[in-house]
Structure formats: structure tokens, C-alpha cells
Protein backbone atom coordinates (compact mmCIF):
# COMPACT_ATOMS: atom_id res chain seq x y z
CA MET A 1 104.00 100.64 137.86
CA ARG A 2 106.20 103.68 137.20
CA LYS A 3 104.58 107.06 137.91
CA ILE A 4 104.79 109.60 135.08
CA TYR A 5 104.29 113.19 136.19
CA LEU A 6 102.22 115.52 134.03
CA PHE A 7 103.27 119.13 133.57
CA ASP A 8 100.45 121.20 132.10
CA THR A 9 101.35 124.36 130.19
CA THR A 10 97.89 125.22 128.87
CA LEU A 11 98.01 128.56 130.70
CA ARG A 12 101.43 129.45 129.28
CA ASP A 13 102.31 127.68 126.03
CA GLY A 14 98.61 127.11 125.32
CA GLU A 15 97.91 130.82 125.67
CA GLN A 16 100.57 131.46 123.03
CA THR A 17 98.16 129.98 120.48
CA PRO A 18 97.34 132.76 117.98
CA GLY A 19 94.04 134.38 118.96
CA VAL A 20 94.01 133.06 122.54
CA ASN A 21 94.10 135.63 125.35
CA LEU A 22 93.00 134.48 128.79
CA ASN A 23 92.14 136.97 131.51
CA THR A 24 92.95 136.33 135.16
CA GLN A 25 89.54 134.91 136.01
CA GLU A 26 89.69 132.49 133.07
CA LYS A 27 93.21 131.39 134.03
CA VAL A 28 92.07 130.65 137.59
CA GLU A 29 89.02 128.75 136.35
CA ILE A 30 91.14 126.55 134.09
CA ALA A 31 93.78 126.07 136.80
CA LEU A 32 91.18 124.88 139.33
CA GLN A 33 89.88 122.35 136.81
CA LEU A 34 93.45 121.22 136.07
CA GLU A 35 93.84 120.70 139.81
CA LYS A 36 90.60 118.71 139.85
CA VAL A 37 91.70 116.50 136.96
CA GLY A 38 94.80 115.64 138.98
CA MET A 39 97.53 117.56 137.17
CA ASP A 40 100.86 117.32 139.04
CA ARG A 41 102.39 120.59 137.87
CA ILE A 42 100.75 123.65 136.31
CA GLU A 43 102.75 126.27 134.44
CA ALA A 44 100.71 129.39 135.13
CA GLY A 45 102.53 131.87 132.91
CA PHE A 46 105.57 134.00 132.17
CA PRO A 47 105.62 136.71 134.88
CA ALA A 48 108.40 138.80 133.32
CA SER A 49 106.28 139.44 130.22
CA SER A 50 104.03 142.05 131.93
CA PRO A 51 102.75 143.31 135.29
CA GLY A 52 99.37 141.81 134.41
CA GLU A 53 100.99 138.41 134.01
CA VAL A 54 102.58 138.73 137.45
CA ALA A 55 99.13 139.39 138.89
CA SER A 56 97.39 136.53 137.06
CA VAL A 57 100.10 134.00 137.93
CA GLY A 58 99.79 135.20 141.52
CA GLU A 59 96.03 134.62 141.53
CA VAL A 60 96.51 131.09 140.19
CA ALA A 61 99.17 130.45 142.84
CA ARG A 62 96.77 131.53 145.59
CA ALA A 63 93.84 129.52 144.23
CA VAL A 64 95.51 126.15 143.63
CA ARG A 65 96.60 124.13 146.65
CA ASN A 66 97.05 120.58 145.36
CA ALA A 67 99.37 121.05 142.40
CA SER A 68 102.80 122.60 142.03
CA ILE A 69 102.50 126.02 140.39
CA THR A 70 105.31 126.88 137.99
CA ALA A 71 106.42 130.13 136.39
CA LEU A 72 108.52 130.37 133.24
CA SER A 73 111.67 132.48 133.24
CA ARG A 74 114.55 133.30 130.96
CA CYS A 75 118.04 133.01 132.43
CA ARG A 76 117.94 136.58 133.65
CA GLU A 77 117.85 137.78 137.23
CA GLN A 78 115.02 140.26 136.56
CA ASP A 79 112.89 137.44 135.13
CA ILE A 80 113.57 135.27 138.17
CA ASP A 81 112.70 138.17 140.49
CA ALA A 82 109.34 138.61 138.71
CA ALA A 83 108.62 134.92 139.19
CA VAL A 84 109.52 135.15 142.90
CA LYS A 85 106.98 137.94 143.27
CA ALA A 86 104.27 136.07 141.35
CA LEU A 87 104.71 132.81 143.26
CA LYS A 88 105.14 134.20 146.77
CA ASP A 89 101.77 132.76 147.91
CA ALA A 90 102.04 129.40 146.14
CA GLN A 91 101.67 126.25 148.20
CA ASP A 92 104.29 124.41 146.15
CA PRO A 93 106.15 126.85 143.85
CA ARG A 94 108.75 125.98 141.25
CA LEU A 95 110.66 127.88 138.58
CA HIS A 96 111.10 126.82 134.97
CA LEU A 97 114.27 128.31 133.43
CA PHE A 98 115.15 128.02 129.76
CA LEU A 99 118.03 128.90 127.48
CA ALA A 100 118.58 127.80 123.89
CA THR A 101 121.41 125.35 123.19
CA SER A 102 121.17 124.27 119.54
CA PRO A 103 123.74 125.50 116.97
CA ILE A 104 121.15 127.48 115.02
CA HIS A 105 119.90 129.25 118.17
CA ARG A 106 123.39 129.85 119.54
CA LYS A 107 124.49 131.45 116.27
CA HIS A 108 121.45 133.41 115.14
CA LYS A 109 119.50 134.20 118.30
CA LEU A 110 121.87 134.23 121.27
CA ARG A 111 125.14 134.94 119.47
CA MET A 112 126.87 132.89 122.15
CA GLU A 113 129.54 130.22 122.16
CA LYS A 114 128.99 126.94 123.98
CA HIS A 115 130.91 128.02 127.09
CA GLU A 116 128.84 131.20 127.33
CA VAL A 117 125.61 129.21 127.20
CA LEU A 118 126.86 126.94 129.98
CA GLU A 119 127.98 129.86 132.15
CA THR A 120 124.76 131.84 131.67
CA ALA A 121 122.51 128.87 132.46
CA GLU A 122 124.53 127.80 135.48
CA ALA A 123 124.50 131.29 136.97
CA ALA A 124 120.73 131.53 136.52
CA ILE A 125 120.07 128.12 138.10
CA ARG A 126 122.24 128.97 141.10
CA TYR A 127 120.51 132.35 141.50
CA ALA A 128 117.07 130.71 141.25
CA ARG A 129 117.98 128.13 143.89
CA LYS A 130 118.27 130.95 146.42
CA TYR A 131 114.50 131.38 146.18
CA PHE A 132 113.14 128.05 144.93
CA ASP A 133 113.66 124.53 146.23
CA LYS A 134 112.50 123.16 142.89
CA VAL A 135 114.01 124.45 139.67
CA GLU A 136 113.47 122.98 136.22
CA PHE A 137 115.87 123.79 133.42
CA SER A 138 115.11 123.46 129.70
CA PRO A 139 117.79 123.61 126.99
CA GLU A 140 115.54 125.16 124.35
CA ASP A 141 115.68 123.34 121.01
CA GLY A 142 117.40 120.47 122.82
CA GLY A 143 116.23 118.12 120.09
CA ARG A 144 118.52 119.82 117.56
CA THR A 145 121.44 120.25 119.97
CA GLU A 146 124.61 118.19 119.49
CA LEU A 147 124.15 115.14 121.70
CA ASP A 148 127.54 115.42 123.41
CA PHE A 149 126.93 119.09 124.21
CA LEU A 150 123.41 118.30 125.43
CA CYS A 151 124.86 115.77 127.88
CA GLU A 152 127.27 118.47 129.05
CA VAL A 153 124.36 120.88 129.58
CA VAL A 154 122.36 118.31 131.59
CA ALA A 155 125.41 117.55 133.77
CA MET A 156 125.88 121.26 134.42
CA ALA A 157 122.21 121.67 135.41
CA ILE A 158 122.50 118.81 137.88
CA ARG A 159 125.60 120.30 139.48
CA ALA A 160 123.97 123.74 139.71
CA GLY A 161 120.97 122.36 141.61
CA ALA A 162 118.18 121.70 139.10
CA SER A 163 115.65 119.09 140.20
CA VAL A 164 114.14 118.57 136.72
CA VAL A 165 115.81 118.84 133.33
CA ASN A 166 113.47 119.09 130.38
CA ILE A 167 114.70 118.24 126.87
CA PRO A 168 112.29 119.85 124.43
CA ASP A 169 111.68 119.12 120.77
CA THR A 170 110.89 122.81 120.41
CA VAL A 171 110.06 122.78 116.70
CA GLY A 172 108.57 119.27 116.40
CA TYR A 173 111.44 118.14 114.18
CA LEU A 174 112.44 114.72 115.51
CA SER A 175 111.14 111.24 114.90
CA PRO A 176 110.21 109.02 117.88
CA ALA A 177 113.34 106.90 117.42
CA GLU A 178 115.61 109.96 117.41
CA TYR A 179 113.91 111.60 120.37
CA GLY A 180 113.85 108.40 122.41
CA ASN A 181 117.56 107.89 121.75
CA ILE A 182 118.34 111.29 123.28
CA PHE A 183 116.83 110.22 126.61
CA LYS A 184 118.50 106.83 126.44
CA THR A 185 121.90 108.44 125.86
CA VAL A 186 121.47 111.06 128.58
CA LYS A 187 120.40 108.39 131.07
CA GLU A 188 123.45 106.30 130.23
CA GLN A 189 126.15 108.98 129.99
CA VAL A 190 125.38 111.84 132.39
CA PRO A 191 126.82 111.48 135.91
CA GLY A 192 124.31 111.98 138.72
CA ILE A 193 121.31 111.59 136.39
CA GLU A 194 119.56 109.54 139.10
CA LYS A 195 119.33 112.69 141.25
CA ILE A 196 116.89 114.46 138.94
CA GLN A 197 113.75 113.87 136.89
CA LEU A 198 113.98 114.00 133.12
CA SER A 199 111.13 115.70 131.29
CA CYS A 200 109.97 115.84 127.67
CA HIS A 201 108.24 118.71 125.88
CA CYS A 202 107.19 118.14 122.28
CA HIS A 203 105.55 120.21 119.58
CA ASP A 204 103.34 118.81 116.87
CA ASP A 205 104.70 120.44 113.72
CA LEU A 206 105.06 117.07 111.98
CA GLY A 207 102.21 115.40 113.87
CA MET A 208 104.49 113.37 116.16
CA ALA A 209 104.22 115.15 119.53
CA THR A 210 102.38 112.35 121.33
CA ALA A 211 104.49 109.62 119.72
CA ASN A 212 107.70 111.43 120.62
CA SER A 213 106.61 111.94 124.22
CA LEU A 214 105.76 108.26 124.58
CA ALA A 215 109.15 107.37 123.07
CA ALA A 216 110.75 109.54 125.76
CA VAL A 217 108.77 107.71 128.46
CA LEU A 218 109.96 104.37 127.11
CA ASN A 219 113.53 105.64 127.38
CA GLY A 220 113.40 106.99 130.90
CA ALA A 221 111.50 110.30 130.95
CA ASP A 222 109.77 110.88 134.29
CA GLN A 223 107.61 113.83 133.26
CA VAL A 224 105.60 114.74 130.16
CA GLU A 225 104.82 118.37 129.37
CA GLY A 226 101.91 119.44 127.21
CA THR A 227 98.49 121.04 127.10
CA PHE A 228 94.88 119.98 127.13
CA ASN A 229 93.48 119.54 123.63
CA GLY A 230 97.05 119.91 122.32
CA ILE A 231 96.80 123.70 121.89
CA GLY A 232 99.91 125.86 121.71
CA GLU A 233 102.44 127.54 119.44
CA ARG A 234 102.08 126.79 115.71
CA ALA A 235 100.68 123.24 115.41
CA GLY A 236 100.42 122.89 119.19
CA ASN A 237 101.87 120.73 121.95
CA THR A 238 101.57 117.17 123.13
CA ALA A 239 97.94 116.57 124.16
CA LEU A 240 98.16 115.39 127.77
CA GLU A 241 94.83 113.56 127.59
CA GLU A 242 96.35 111.40 124.84
CA ILE A 243 99.38 110.60 127.00
CA ALA A 244 97.22 109.67 129.99
CA LEU A 245 94.95 107.37 127.98
CA ALA A 246 97.82 105.79 126.04
CA LEU A 247 99.57 104.85 129.28
CA GLU A 248 96.31 103.72 130.89
CA THR A 249 95.18 101.63 127.92
CA ARG A 250 98.60 100.11 127.19
CA GLN A 251 99.96 99.53 130.69
CA ASP A 252 101.12 96.14 129.49
CA PHE A 253 103.49 97.84 127.06
CA PHE A 254 104.59 101.06 128.79
CA GLN A 255 104.57 99.76 132.39
CA ALA A 256 103.81 103.31 133.49
CA LYS A 257 100.78 105.46 134.25
CA THR A 258 99.83 108.97 135.30
CA GLY A 259 97.84 110.14 138.30
CA LEU A 260 95.21 111.86 136.18
CA VAL A 261 91.55 111.56 137.22
CA LEU A 262 90.44 110.17 133.89
CA THR A 263 86.71 110.81 134.39
CA GLU A 264 87.42 114.57 134.48
CA ILE A 265 89.10 114.60 131.05
CA ALA A 266 86.02 115.39 128.95
CA ARG A 267 84.94 118.18 131.29
CA THR A 268 88.44 119.70 131.31
CA SER A 269 88.65 119.55 127.53
CA ARG A 270 85.31 121.33 127.13
CA LEU A 271 86.30 124.06 129.59
CA VAL A 272 89.63 124.73 127.87
CA SER A 273 87.91 124.81 124.48
CA ARG A 274 85.23 127.22 125.70
CA LEU A 275 87.51 129.69 127.47
CA THR A 276 90.24 129.73 124.82
CA GLY A 277 87.78 129.83 121.94
CA MET A 278 89.67 126.95 120.33
CA PRO A 279 87.20 124.34 119.04
CA VAL A 280 88.25 120.70 119.36
CA PRO A 281 88.42 119.01 115.93
CA SER A 282 85.76 116.32 115.58
CA ASN A 283 88.37 113.69 114.77
CA LYS A 284 90.64 114.64 117.68
CA ALA A 285 91.79 111.59 119.65
CA ILE A 286 90.14 111.01 123.06
CA VAL A 287 88.09 114.24 123.27
CA GLY A 288 86.88 114.85 119.69
CA ALA A 289 83.13 114.62 119.02
CA ASN A 290 83.71 111.56 116.82
CA ALA A 291 86.14 109.75 119.15
CA PHE A 292 83.40 107.37 120.29
CA SER A 293 81.10 107.62 117.27
CA HIS A 294 80.50 104.86 114.75
CA GLU A 295 78.79 105.34 111.38
CA SER A 296 79.94 102.42 109.23
CA GLY A 297 77.33 99.66 109.24
CA ILE A 298 80.02 97.02 109.77
CA HIS A 299 81.46 98.92 112.74
CA GLN A 300 78.03 99.59 114.23
CA ASP A 301 77.09 95.92 113.97
CA GLY A 302 80.32 94.94 115.70
CA VAL A 303 79.95 97.47 118.52
CA LEU A 304 76.35 96.41 119.14
CA LYS A 305 77.50 92.82 119.50
CA GLU A 306 80.68 93.53 121.52
CA LYS A 307 82.00 97.06 122.17
CA THR A 308 85.65 96.02 122.21
CA THR A 309 85.48 95.05 118.54
CA TYR A 310 85.95 98.71 117.63
CA GLU A 311 86.46 100.52 120.95
CA ILE A 312 89.71 100.26 122.89
CA ILE A 313 88.61 102.95 125.37
CA SER A 314 85.25 103.19 127.08
CA PRO A 315 83.67 106.66 126.79
CA GLN A 316 82.80 106.41 130.49
CA THR A 317 86.55 106.34 131.20
CA ILE A 318 86.88 110.03 130.33
CA GLY A 319 83.56 111.08 131.83
CA LEU A 320 81.21 110.64 128.86
CA ARG A 321 77.98 108.68 129.12
CA GLU A 322 78.12 106.33 126.16
CA SER A 323 79.27 105.66 122.62
CA LYS A 324 77.31 107.23 119.79
CA LEU A 325 76.04 105.36 116.78
CA THR A 326 75.91 108.14 114.19
CA LEU A 327 73.25 107.32 111.66
CA GLY A 328 74.09 108.21 108.08
CA LYS A 329 74.06 106.70 104.63
CA LEU A 330 76.62 104.04 105.63
CA SER A 331 74.57 102.79 108.59
CA GLY A 332 73.00 99.36 108.53
CA ARG A 333 69.61 97.93 109.48
CA HIS A 334 70.91 96.57 112.80
CA ALA A 335 71.96 100.02 114.03
CA PHE A 336 68.74 101.58 112.73
CA ARG A 337 66.58 99.06 114.59
CA GLU A 338 68.58 99.63 117.79
CA LYS A 339 68.09 103.37 117.41
CA LEU A 340 64.34 102.89 117.05
CA LEU A 341 64.28 100.80 120.23
CA ASP A 342 66.39 103.38 122.02
CA LEU A 343 63.89 106.08 121.01
CA GLY A 344 61.00 103.91 122.19
CA TYR A 345 59.59 102.63 118.88
CA THR A 346 58.96 98.89 118.63
CA LEU A 347 58.10 98.14 114.99
CA ASP A 348 57.45 94.86 113.25
CA ASP A 349 59.75 93.79 110.42
CA GLU A 350 57.52 95.23 107.70
CA ARG A 351 57.36 98.63 109.39
CA VAL A 352 61.12 98.56 110.09
CA ASN A 353 61.81 97.87 106.42
CA GLU A 354 59.49 100.69 105.36
CA ALA A 355 61.07 103.12 107.85
CA PHE A 356 64.60 102.01 106.93
CA ALA A 357 63.95 102.72 103.25
CA LYS A 358 62.73 106.22 104.10
CA PHE A 359 65.73 106.70 106.41
CA LYS A 360 68.11 105.79 103.58
CA ASP A 361 66.41 108.35 101.32
CA LEU A 362 66.88 110.98 104.02
CA ALA A 363 70.50 109.95 104.67
CA ASP A 364 71.36 110.46 101.01
CA LYS A 365 70.32 114.11 101.42
CA LYS A 366 71.69 114.74 104.90
CA LYS A 367 75.13 113.78 106.27
CA ASP A 368 74.10 113.09 109.88
CA VAL A 369 70.58 112.04 110.78
CA SER A 370 69.64 113.14 114.30
CA ASP A 371 67.30 111.52 116.81
CA GLU A 372 64.73 114.20 116.05
CA ASP A 373 65.01 113.42 112.34
CA ILE A 374 64.22 109.77 113.13
CA ARG A 375 61.28 110.75 115.34
CA ALA A 376 59.92 113.05 112.66
CA LEU A 377 60.35 110.34 110.02
CA ILE A 378 58.51 107.73 112.09
CA GLU A 379 55.76 110.01 113.29
CA GLU A 380 55.18 111.84 110.00
CA LYS A 381 55.24 108.77 107.79
CA LEU A 382 53.93 105.99 110.02
CA ILE A 383 51.98 107.66 112.83
CA ALA A 384 49.23 110.24 112.76
CA VAL A 385 49.78 112.86 115.45
CA PRO A 386 46.59 114.43 116.86
CA GLU A 387 46.46 118.18 116.55
CA ALA A 388 45.93 119.82 119.93
CA PHE A 389 46.20 123.22 118.23
CA VAL A 390 45.60 124.43 114.69
CA LEU A 391 47.01 127.72 113.42
CA GLU A 392 44.19 129.54 111.62
CA THR A 393 45.63 133.01 110.97
CA ILE A 394 48.79 134.99 111.52
CA GLN A 395 49.39 138.73 111.21
CA VAL A 396 52.84 140.34 111.53
CA THR A 397 53.75 144.03 111.71
CA TYR A 398 57.39 144.96 111.17
CA GLY A 399 59.41 148.06 110.49
CA ASN A 400 63.09 148.85 110.92
CA LYS A 401 62.16 151.75 113.24
CA SER A 402 59.44 149.93 115.21
CA VAL A 403 59.09 146.93 117.50
CA PRO A 404 57.94 143.78 115.63
CA THR A 405 54.50 142.54 116.72
CA ALA A 406 52.48 139.47 115.79
CA SER A 407 48.92 138.29 116.36
CA VAL A 408 47.73 134.70 115.93
CA ARG A 409 44.39 132.92 115.90
CA ILE A 410 44.63 129.39 117.32
CA HIS A 411 41.89 126.74 117.19
CA ALA A 412 42.18 124.24 120.06
CA ALA A 413 41.05 120.60 120.00
CA ASP A 414 38.27 121.33 122.51
CA GLY A 415 36.67 123.74 120.05
CA THR A 416 37.79 126.99 121.62
CA VAL A 417 39.35 129.72 119.52
CA VAL A 418 42.00 131.98 121.05
CA GLU A 419 43.50 135.16 119.64
CA GLU A 420 46.67 136.63 121.15
CA ALA A 421 49.27 139.22 120.24
CA ALA A 422 52.86 139.80 121.36
CA ALA A 423 55.95 141.89 120.62
CA GLY A 424 59.41 140.44 120.18
CA ASN A 425 63.03 141.05 119.26
CA GLY A 426 62.17 140.06 115.70
CA SER A 427 59.20 138.86 113.70
CA VAL A 428 59.76 135.17 114.45
CA ASP A 429 60.26 135.88 118.15
CA ALA A 430 57.00 137.87 118.22
CA ILE A 431 55.12 135.03 116.48
CA TYR A 432 56.41 132.43 118.92
CA LYS A 433 55.59 134.56 121.95
CA ALA A 434 52.05 135.06 120.63
CA ILE A 435 51.63 131.29 120.12
CA ASP A 436 52.92 130.64 123.67
CA LYS A 437 50.32 133.06 125.05
CA ALA A 438 47.53 131.48 123.00
CA THR A 439 48.38 127.88 123.92
CA GLN A 440 49.47 128.59 127.52
CA GLU A 441 52.38 126.18 127.06
CA ASN A 442 55.84 126.96 128.46
CA VAL A 443 58.36 125.44 126.05
CA GLU A 444 62.04 125.98 125.20
CA LEU A 445 63.11 126.59 121.61
CA GLN A 446 66.21 124.39 121.19
CA ASP A 447 66.77 124.69 117.46
CA TYR A 448 65.47 126.69 114.52
CA SER A 449 66.64 126.23 110.95
CA ILE A 450 65.52 127.34 107.50
CA GLN A 451 66.23 125.87 104.11
CA SER A 452 64.96 126.46 100.60
CA VAL A 453 62.91 123.62 99.14
CA THR A 454 62.65 125.03 95.61
CA HIS A 455 64.43 127.73 93.62
CA GLY A 456 63.51 131.23 92.52
CA LYS A 457 61.97 134.27 94.19
CA ASP A 458 58.80 132.30 94.95
CA ALA A 459 60.73 129.36 96.44
CA LEU A 460 59.16 127.29 99.15
CA GLY A 461 60.86 127.76 102.50
CA GLU A 462 61.05 124.86 104.94
CA VAL A 463 61.49 125.59 108.64
CA HIS A 464 62.51 122.99 111.23
CA VAL A 465 61.92 123.66 114.89
CA VAL A 466 62.91 121.64 117.98
CA LEU A 467 60.98 122.35 121.18
CA ALA A 468 61.63 120.93 124.65
CA GLN A 469 59.62 120.74 127.84
CA ASP A 470 60.46 118.86 131.05
CA GLY A 471 63.07 116.68 129.40
CA ILE A 472 60.87 115.83 126.38
CA SER A 473 61.72 117.19 122.95
CA SER A 474 60.09 117.11 119.54
CA GLN A 475 60.77 118.33 116.03
CA GLY A 476 58.26 120.16 113.86
CA ARG A 477 58.25 121.16 110.22
CA GLY A 478 56.49 123.91 108.29
CA VAL A 479 56.56 124.72 104.58
CA SER A 480 55.34 127.88 102.87
CA THR A 481 56.42 130.47 100.33
CA ASP A 482 56.24 132.90 103.27
CA ILE A 483 59.02 132.06 105.72
CA LEU A 484 57.16 133.64 108.66
CA GLU A 485 54.14 131.45 108.02
CA ALA A 486 56.42 128.42 107.70
CA SER A 487 58.02 129.36 111.02
CA ALA A 488 54.64 129.55 112.74
CA ARG A 489 53.46 126.24 111.26
CA ALA A 490 56.69 124.48 112.28
CA TYR A 491 56.31 125.77 115.85
CA VAL A 492 52.71 124.60 116.16
CA ASP A 493 53.58 121.25 114.54
CA SER A 494 56.42 120.70 117.01
CA LEU A 495 54.17 121.74 119.92
CA ASN A 496 51.49 119.23 118.88
CA ARG A 497 54.08 116.44 118.73
CA LEU A 498 55.46 117.46 122.10
CA LEU A 499 52.03 117.37 123.73
CA ASP A 500 51.25 114.01 122.14
CA ARG A 501 54.52 112.55 123.45
CA ARG A 502 53.89 113.99 126.91
CA ARG A 503 50.39 112.48 126.94
CA SER A 504 51.70 109.13 125.76
CA LEU A 505 54.37 109.02 128.47
CA ALA A 506 51.73 109.81 131.09
CA GLU A 507 49.72 106.83 129.80
CA GLY A 508 52.75 104.54 130.17
CA ARG A 509 53.75 104.24 126.53
CA ARG A 510 57.28 105.01 125.35
CA ASP A 511 57.53 107.98 123.02
CA GLY A 512 53.98 107.75 121.88
CA VAL A 513 53.56 104.39 120.20
CA THR A 514 54.30 100.71 120.19
CA LEU A 515 53.87 99.09 116.79
CA ALA A 516 54.29 95.31 116.74
């Protein structure tokens, strides 16, 4: 099985995404996770761009020991010198030189003739080889460079001492067939090509970055460059997690694989998303929230019978726990029954039919129906929940120049009546702190949402609250024309359900009830 090296440029090309600005600590944190996921080469930045970049690339170079740290450089001696300074403490340093070669870049950007491009690049590679054993050269916009001239450029780079030549589709212009043919031609026509590794670097302007990179692999590329989550300039780069999973899943076709630790993919994706502030689209391949979700009733039925009917990758492969059957208006009875069993409710057919009908009514009003929605539906409609606490009165004092305070009167199931008061950051916070003091329960507020039930100034407000305690969670609901009263009622309702579920679990029942 041929080994394909992965060159991650999340810290360099990924940081060029509009709105992304990583500080040194964030760069090091991402780099250490890239090392953990098994990345072969990490491009840490462009040292010549600023003194701060020299420092941050240097910190990455000192922190990472098990991946080759790369710095980007133009074909200028001062750029190379900055990279030497930044990478002086790297365990395995390498330099990535680039110079544009396409007709449009030669004419409008460089104002150079072909021979000048060749001379400039060769001089830079030879200068870099004085300081680096490993030098990669990229003919920028190689995808739009005349093929005969591109072969001449690659031959020059080999003679000058480059160990890797990268042929980028800088503007995401090519089709897979065109891009693959470039690698095929270079492999066939350039003397000494066996001495170096060929690399591909694709952008996603036309949505073909992953396909183009895989076409390059099929035609002899040894290295794929890209970023995690596909972030980068304009429409982004090749998503390396897609490359790794494509090669892993279709080894029969590609006869190649990476050395990536696949179970670290989901964790790496989340970290990159969090630190860059770039959310991962829900429909993103491999790491999107919906990548292992199924809502169609036909799909859900198939997956429940045999996962491979609609899943070619196991979620556990990338470090996730399991597939998700997303319940919505397209879901079927089979998936609904399985969800009830998963939540601990065993209902007879009549009760399932009754609950399924109510679920369908809810799904018509709400796109995604959560586990807590299902619990609330079952417990509100089919099960009476005992009230451990009843909210009798609530009093709130608020002013924009004073601290909000609230007092509550709670009637407990044992007959006692407790009155407590508390201050908070806002009126709702004060109410909830007062209820916590009155009930002596330590709970975590996981979700709080408000919606209008009716219209007009006297509209009913509906509040939904999710509370958690020791791994148990419950959803409560409160309705009132006063949103503060609705908030208090929802909190007490959720608390009662939580206590009932906790008591049921202690008695050996699952989630409070078994109906059969």
C-alpha cells in the first residue's frame, strides 16, 4: 500500500481565511493536535510577513517533535533568512519556496520572462539548500502554466536540490482529468523525477479540491496539501480529513493510504473550528454535524437493519460515538420506536401509535425533535409526573440602576412551605437562584428558550428549560402572559421531572416508566 504524506497548512493558508487571526498560543495548540492526529508535515506560517510571525512559527517549531515543521518563503534571500531564524529549534525543519509560473502571473504580477522565473527560482532553491536539507518548491498557479514550461520548471527544481515539488491549482480552476494529466505528464517526461516527491495543493473555488487531489494521487502524487475543515483563501483548500477517509474507505481503488490517526479527526476538527471561529457546515463531509445523521424514514429503517445500507464510514472511525437518527417529519415508526427504547420507554403498540401521532404533530411544527422533546411528549401526554415542589408565589424587583432580586414561596410534597429570596445578574437568574435555595437542589441549567404562543401585547409566552444533575436531564415547560412567571414555572416543572427520573432510576426502572 503506497504511503501518501499529508502536508497541513491550517496554520498558514488556513489563517488566510478572512476573519481568522490566530495568536501564538492558539497556533501551538492546533499544531500539537495536528501532531497527535498524525500529520506528517505542518506549515506553521510565513515568517517574513512580520516579527510576530517569526516568533509564533518558532514556538510551534519548539513545541512539535514528531512532525516536520515547514515555513513558507518567497524566492528572496531575506524571506529565507527569516525562515532560518524561525525554524532554528525545529526537530525536522523544511522550507517551502514559491514563485509564480503561469502566463497571467508572469505578465501581470512578476513582469518576468520565462528565463527570469527559472533563474530566480533556481537561485533561491540553491540558497535555501545551504540552510535546509529539505526544500519544497511550488510553481504558483502551476495548474494554469504551459505544460512544457512546467516540466522545465520541475526539472530545474530537481537539479537545484529540491526534495519536494508541489504543483498547485492555486485558483481552483482545473477539472480532475486536467489536473491528473499534469502529474502523469510530469512523471513521464521530467528526468530525475524519481529523486523527489510530487505534491498537490488544490483550492475549492469550483468545489473540486478533494476530487482534484485524489486525481493527482492516482497519477503519482506522493503528498497532498490542505487544511482541516477545508478552510483557507476564498472558498478554501482541500480538506485533509476527506482525503484520509477517501483513501481509507476506497483502498481497493486508490491502493494508497495516509498515516493519519483517524480516531482523532473529529477532535481535531472541533479544535480548529473553535480556535479559528469558523463553524463547520452541517452538511460538510466527514466532520459535519449531519455526516452520520439520518432523518428519512426509509434511510432510518435501513440503518437500523444494517448500518452499511446507508453508511460507508463508521462514526467511530473518526472518533465519534455513534450515528444519529434525527427525528423529524420524515421519520418513520421504526425509528421512533427505537428512540423510545433508547430513552428507556417500553410502550405497547397502542401507546406507541398514540405517541407517534403526537410526535408527528410536533414534527410538523419543529424541524428537529430532540430527545428532551420526546421525553416531554411521553411524560406530559402519557405519564403523570408527581410534583415534589409547587410554586405558590413569585415576587421580582428590578430596576436598571439596581440589582435584580426575587423571592419565591415553594410548597413541598411533604407539606412544608419554604420562602427564599436571592439576587442575580438578571430577573430570571434571581428567580432560579431563589428556587435553588428553596428546594436545596443543585442543578445545572443546560438550555433556556422562549417563544410566543399567541399574538398581541397580551400574548402567552412559553418557556422551555432543560436541567441536568449527575448525568440525568429533563425538560420543563411553563406558559403565562408574564414571561418571568413562565420562566419560574418551567424551572419547577423541569425540576420535578428530574427528581422523578432520579427516583425511578434509584428504584431500578429506566427513565421513570415501563409501559407494556
